[in-house]
Amino acid sequence: MIEHVLTVRKRRIRINPSYAVAGGKSSDSLVLDLDPEWDGLSVRVVLGEGEGAVEADWDGEPMVLPDGPLAEPGWLPFTVVGEADGSQIVTEAAPHAFRVVEGGYVKEVS
């Protein structure tokens, strides 16, 4: 499994490695490296945007990236949201921080 580290500094996102290969199934995970501003907040990660966005709560452990957003090649926007006691912080837009690249041909795995 490839582990991607999503780093947030001053609400700016950086992801390393910054790509995944389309067609994998439960093959990529995400770890968050957040600056102290996020301490004590409930944190969730949003993959994609609009109707197709997928949200996942982060519990401090590596999370497996859902297959859906990684199914098709293209840019995959990421957002991190932190909430506590009626306040909320959000990372800046990161529409080109992560790219799903085309995978080679494989038979469908069931």
C-alpha atoms as a PDB file:
ATOM      1  CA  MET A   1       0.000   0.000   0.000  1.00  0.00           C
ATOM      2  CA  ILE A   2       1.285   3.456  -0.880  1.00  0.00           C
ATOM      3  CA  GLU A   3       1.071   5.961   1.981  1.00  0.00           C
ATOM      4  CA  HIS A   4       0.410   9.568   0.987  1.00  0.00           C
ATOM      5  CA  VAL A   5       1.271  12.263   3.526  1.00  0.00           C
ATOM      6  CA  LEU A   6      -1.019  15.275   3.441  1.00  0.00           C
ATOM      7  CA  THR A   7       0.804  18.138   5.160  1.00  0.00           C
ATOM      8  CA  VAL A   8      -1.027  21.283   6.260  1.00  0.00           C
ATOM      9  CA  ARG A   9       0.973  24.384   7.159  1.00  0.00           C
ATOM     10  CA  LYS A  10      -0.784  27.730   7.558  1.00  0.00           C
ATOM     11  CA  ARG A  11      -3.887  26.125   5.981  1.00  0.00           C
ATOM     12  CA  ARG A  12      -2.000  25.239   2.781  1.00  0.00           C
ATOM     13  CA  ILE A  13      -2.042  21.601   1.577  1.00  0.00           C
ATOM     14  CA  ARG A  14       0.910  19.645   0.203  1.00  0.00           C
ATOM     15  CA  ILE A  15       0.650  15.904  -0.587  1.00  0.00           C
ATOM     16  CA  ASN A  16       3.554  13.505  -1.080  1.00  0.00           C
ATOM     17  CA  PRO A  17       3.500  11.452  -3.216  1.00  0.00           C
ATOM     18  CA  SER A  18       1.096  13.664  -5.109  1.00  0.00           C
ATOM     19  CA  TYR A  19      -0.421  11.024  -7.380  1.00  0.00           C
ATOM     20  CA  ALA A  20      -2.216   7.675  -7.299  1.00  0.00           C
ATOM     21  CA  VAL A  21      -2.761   5.179 -10.099  1.00  0.00           C
ATOM     22  CA  ALA A  22      -6.375   4.736 -11.253  1.00  0.00           C
ATOM     23  CA  GLY A  23      -7.875   1.286 -10.927  1.00  0.00           C
ATOM     24  CA  GLY A  24      -6.329   0.242  -7.624  1.00  0.00           C
ATOM     25  CA  LYS A  25      -8.578  -1.151  -4.904  1.00  0.00           C
ATOM     26  CA  SER A  26      -7.793  -0.252  -1.285  1.00  0.00           C
ATOM     27  CA  SER A  27      -4.222   0.357  -2.425  1.00  0.00           C
ATOM     28  CA  ASP A  28      -3.517   3.881  -1.148  1.00  0.00           C
ATOM     29  CA  SER A  29      -3.665   5.368   2.336  1.00  0.00           C
ATOM     30  CA  LEU A  30      -3.527   8.895   3.703  1.00  0.00           C
ATOM     31  CA  VAL A  31      -1.766  10.265   6.781  1.00  0.00           C
ATOM     32  CA  LEU A  32      -2.256  13.838   7.946  1.00  0.00           C
ATOM     33  CA  ASP A  33       0.603  15.984   9.226  1.00  0.00           C
ATOM     34  CA  LEU A  34      -1.108  19.059  10.660  1.00  0.00           C
ATOM     35  CA  ASP A  35       0.404  22.142  12.266  1.00  0.00           C
ATOM     36  CA  PRO A  36      -0.540  23.011  15.881  1.00  0.00           C
ATOM     37  CA  GLU A  37      -3.546  25.109  14.815  1.00  0.00           C
ATOM     38  CA  TRP A  38      -5.436  21.822  14.344  1.00  0.00           C
ATOM     39  CA  ASP A  39      -4.760  20.436  17.839  1.00  0.00           C
ATOM     40  CA  GLY A  40      -7.976  19.561  19.643  1.00  0.00           C
ATOM     41  CA  LEU A  41     -10.185  19.845  16.559  1.00  0.00           C
ATOM     42  CA  SER A  42     -12.378  17.182  14.987  1.00  0.00           C
ATOM     43  CA  VAL A  43     -10.836  16.784  11.540  1.00  0.00           C
ATOM     44  CA  ARG A  44     -12.328  15.518   8.316  1.00  0.00           C
ATOM     45  CA  VAL A  45     -10.907  15.183   4.831  1.00  0.00           C
ATOM     46  CA  VAL A  46     -12.945  15.988   1.721  1.00  0.00           C
ATOM     47  CA  LEU A  47     -11.907  14.333  -1.555  1.00  0.00           C
ATOM     48  CA  GLY A  48     -13.387  15.832  -4.696  1.00  0.00           C
ATOM     49  CA  GLU A  49     -15.950  18.607  -4.865  1.00  0.00           C
ATOM     50  CA  GLY A  50     -19.635  19.164  -5.429  1.00  0.00           C
ATOM     51  CA  GLU A  51     -22.041  16.213  -5.663  1.00  0.00           C
ATOM     52  CA  GLY A  52     -19.228  13.680  -6.088  1.00  0.00           C
ATOM     53  CA  ALA A  53     -17.269  14.724  -2.981  1.00  0.00           C
ATOM     54  CA  VAL A  54     -16.430  12.038  -0.411  1.00  0.00           C
ATOM     55  CA  GLU A  55     -15.869  13.003   3.233  1.00  0.00           C
ATOM     56  CA  ALA A  56     -14.031  10.954   5.849  1.00  0.00           C
ATOM     57  CA  ASP A  57     -13.334  11.660   9.515  1.00  0.00           C
ATOM     58  CA  TRP A  58      -9.689  11.408  10.501  1.00  0.00           C
ATOM     59  CA  ASP A  59      -8.920   9.640  13.784  1.00  0.00           C
ATOM     60  CA  GLY A  60      -5.170  10.174  13.776  1.00  0.00           C
ATOM     61  CA  GLU A  61      -4.422   6.842  12.099  1.00  0.00           C
ATOM     62  CA  PRO A  62      -3.664   6.173   8.418  1.00  0.00           C
ATOM     63  CA  MET A  63      -6.911   6.021   6.448  1.00  0.00           C
ATOM     64  CA  VAL A  64      -7.438   3.977   3.304  1.00  0.00           C
ATOM     65  CA  LEU A  65      -8.447   6.255   0.453  1.00  0.00           C
ATOM     66  CA  PRO A  66     -11.848   5.285  -0.962  1.00  0.00           C
ATOM     67  CA  ASP A  67     -11.759   3.611  -4.365  1.00  0.00           C
ATOM     68  CA  GLY A  68     -14.451   5.817  -5.943  1.00  0.00           C
ATOM     69  CA  PRO A  69     -12.478   9.063  -6.218  1.00  0.00           C
ATOM     70  CA  LEU A  70      -9.439   7.114  -7.451  1.00  0.00           C
ATOM     71  CA  ALA A  71     -11.320   5.286 -10.221  1.00  0.00           C
ATOM     72  CA  GLU A  72     -10.786   7.794 -13.035  1.00  0.00           C
ATOM     73  CA  PRO A  73      -7.691   9.769 -14.099  1.00  0.00           C
ATOM     74  CA  GLY A  74      -7.670  13.499 -13.411  1.00  0.00           C
ATOM     75  CA  TRP A  75      -7.062  16.084 -10.710  1.00  0.00           C
ATOM     76  CA  LEU A  76      -8.580  15.231  -7.325  1.00  0.00           C
ATOM     77  CA  PRO A  77      -9.179  18.266  -5.084  1.00  0.00           C
ATOM     78  CA  PHE A  78      -8.535  17.831  -1.346  1.00  0.00           C
ATOM     79  CA  THR A  79      -9.834  19.937   1.549  1.00  0.00           C
ATOM     80  CA  VAL A  80      -9.257  19.537   5.275  1.00  0.00           C
ATOM     81  CA  VAL A  81     -11.835  20.867   7.736  1.00  0.00           C
ATOM     82  CA  GLY A  82     -11.400  21.219  11.499  1.00  0.00           C
ATOM     83  CA  GLU A  83     -14.231  21.960  13.936  1.00  0.00           C
ATOM     84  CA  ALA A  84     -14.675  22.512  17.663  1.00  0.00           C
ATOM     85  CA  ASP A  85     -17.108  24.463  19.847  1.00  0.00           C
ATOM     86  CA  GLY A  86     -18.905  26.152  16.961  1.00  0.00           C
ATOM     87  CA  SER A  87     -15.728  27.285  15.202  1.00  0.00           C
ATOM     88  CA  GLN A  88     -14.375  25.912  11.942  1.00  0.00           C
ATOM     89  CA  ILE A  89     -11.148  26.195   9.962  1.00  0.00           C
ATOM     90  CA  VAL A  90     -10.708  25.115   6.351  1.00  0.00           C
ATOM     91  CA  THR A  91      -7.633  24.685   4.181  1.00  0.00           C
ATOM     92  CA  GLU A  92      -7.229  26.772   1.069  1.00  0.00           C
ATOM     93  CA  ALA A  93      -8.498  25.283  -2.186  1.00  0.00           C
ATOM     94  CA  ALA A  94      -6.101  22.641  -3.507  1.00  0.00           C
ATOM     95  CA  PRO A  95      -7.520  21.640  -6.903  1.00  0.00           C
ATOM     96  CA  HIS A  96      -4.125  20.545  -8.275  1.00  0.00           C
ATOM     97  CA  ALA A  97      -2.388  19.083  -5.221  1.00  0.00           C
ATOM     98  CA  PHE A  98      -3.169  15.469  -6.183  1.00  0.00           C
ATOM     99  CA  ARG A  99      -3.573  13.699  -9.515  1.00  0.00           C
ATOM    100  CA  VAL A 100      -4.989  10.299 -10.348  1.00  0.00           C
ATOM    101  CA  VAL A 101      -2.960   8.969 -13.279  1.00  0.00           C
ATOM    102  CA  GLU A 102      -4.042   6.383 -15.802  1.00  0.00           C
ATOM    103  CA  GLY A 103      -3.332   2.789 -14.809  1.00  0.00           C
ATOM    104  CA  GLY A 104      -2.232  -0.059 -17.052  1.00  0.00           C
ATOM    105  CA  TYR A 105      -4.699  -2.654 -18.203  1.00  0.00           C
ATOM    106  CA  VAL A 106      -5.734  -5.296 -15.682  1.00  0.00           C
ATOM    107  CA  LYS A 107      -8.640  -7.702 -15.490  1.00  0.00           C
ATOM    108  CA  GLU A 108     -11.355  -6.630 -13.101  1.00  0.00           C
ATOM    109  CA  VAL A 109     -10.715  -7.975  -9.602  1.00  0.00           C
ATOM    110  CA  SER A 110     -13.776  -9.061  -7.677  1.00  0.00           C
END
